[in-house]
Amino acid sequence: MSKNIFVGNLAWSASDSDLHDLFSEYGDVSSARVIQDRETGRSRGFGFVEMESGGDEAIEA
């Protein structure tokens, strides 16, 4: 069962690959996405990480 984790307070410079790399330390990451503003293309400061395993460990850390 996969877990979809909300990640807030991200730096404006954070990218999808940054999230993927950070959470891959705790388990298998299916997807990592930083949400961007439609008009400016700038990060909105939050994102989502979907993990197949290790989700609980990532949340605790």
Protein backbone atom coordinates (compact mmCIF):
# COMPACT_ATOMS: atom_id res chain seq x y z
CA MET A 1 0.00 0.00 0.00
CA SER A 2 1.45 3.36 -0.99
CA LYS A 3 1.38 6.48 1.14
CA ASN A 4 0.90 10.00 -0.22
CA ILE A 5 2.71 12.49 2.03
CA PHE A 6 2.12 16.25 2.06
CA VAL A 7 5.37 18.22 2.46
CA GLY A 8 5.07 21.90 3.44
CA ASN A 9 7.43 24.81 4.06
CA LEU A 10 9.66 24.00 1.11
CA ALA A 11 12.27 26.45 -0.08
CA TRP A 12 11.28 28.27 -3.26
CA SER A 13 14.26 26.64 -4.97
CA ALA A 14 13.23 23.05 -4.09
CA SER A 15 12.68 20.75 -7.07
CA ASP A 16 11.02 17.40 -7.67
CA SER A 17 14.41 15.69 -7.67
CA ASP A 18 15.33 17.32 -4.33
CA LEU A 19 12.20 15.83 -2.74
CA HIS A 20 12.84 12.46 -4.36
CA ASP A 21 16.44 12.35 -3.12
CA LEU A 22 15.50 13.39 0.42
CA PHE A 23 12.72 10.83 0.84
CA SER A 24 14.50 7.98 -0.95
CA GLU A 25 16.71 7.65 2.15
CA TYR A 26 13.68 6.15 3.94
CA GLY A 27 12.18 3.87 1.27
CA ASP A 28 10.92 3.46 -2.28
CA VAL A 29 9.62 6.72 -3.75
CA SER A 30 7.00 6.31 -6.51
CA SER A 31 6.72 10.02 -7.26
CA ALA A 32 7.74 13.37 -5.85
CA ARG A 33 6.20 16.62 -7.01
CA VAL A 34 6.66 20.25 -5.99
CA ILE A 35 3.51 22.21 -6.78
CA GLN A 36 4.10 25.25 -8.99
CA ASP A 37 2.07 28.37 -9.68
CA ARG A 38 0.37 28.13 -13.09
CA GLU A 39 1.08 31.70 -14.13
CA THR A 40 4.61 32.26 -12.85
CA GLY A 41 5.97 28.70 -12.79
CA ARG A 42 7.42 29.42 -9.34
CA SER A 43 7.19 26.90 -6.51
CA ARG A 44 4.21 27.39 -4.19
CA GLY A 45 6.22 26.09 -1.22
CA PHE A 46 4.65 22.65 -0.87
CA GLY A 47 4.57 19.30 -2.57
CA PHE A 48 3.61 15.63 -2.37
CA VAL A 49 5.68 12.47 -2.15
CA GLU A 50 4.19 9.05 -2.86
CA MET A 51 6.06 6.17 -1.24
CA GLU A 52 5.61 2.42 -1.64
CA SER A 53 7.54 1.67 1.56
CA GLY A 54 9.14 3.67 4.34
CA GLY A 55 6.43 6.33 4.51
CA ASP A 56 6.00 6.08 8.27
CA GLU A 57 9.75 6.31 8.83
CA ALA A 58 9.97 9.41 6.62
CA ILE A 59 7.13 11.09 8.51
CA GLU A 60 8.78 10.37 11.86
CA ALA A 61 12.10 11.79 10.66
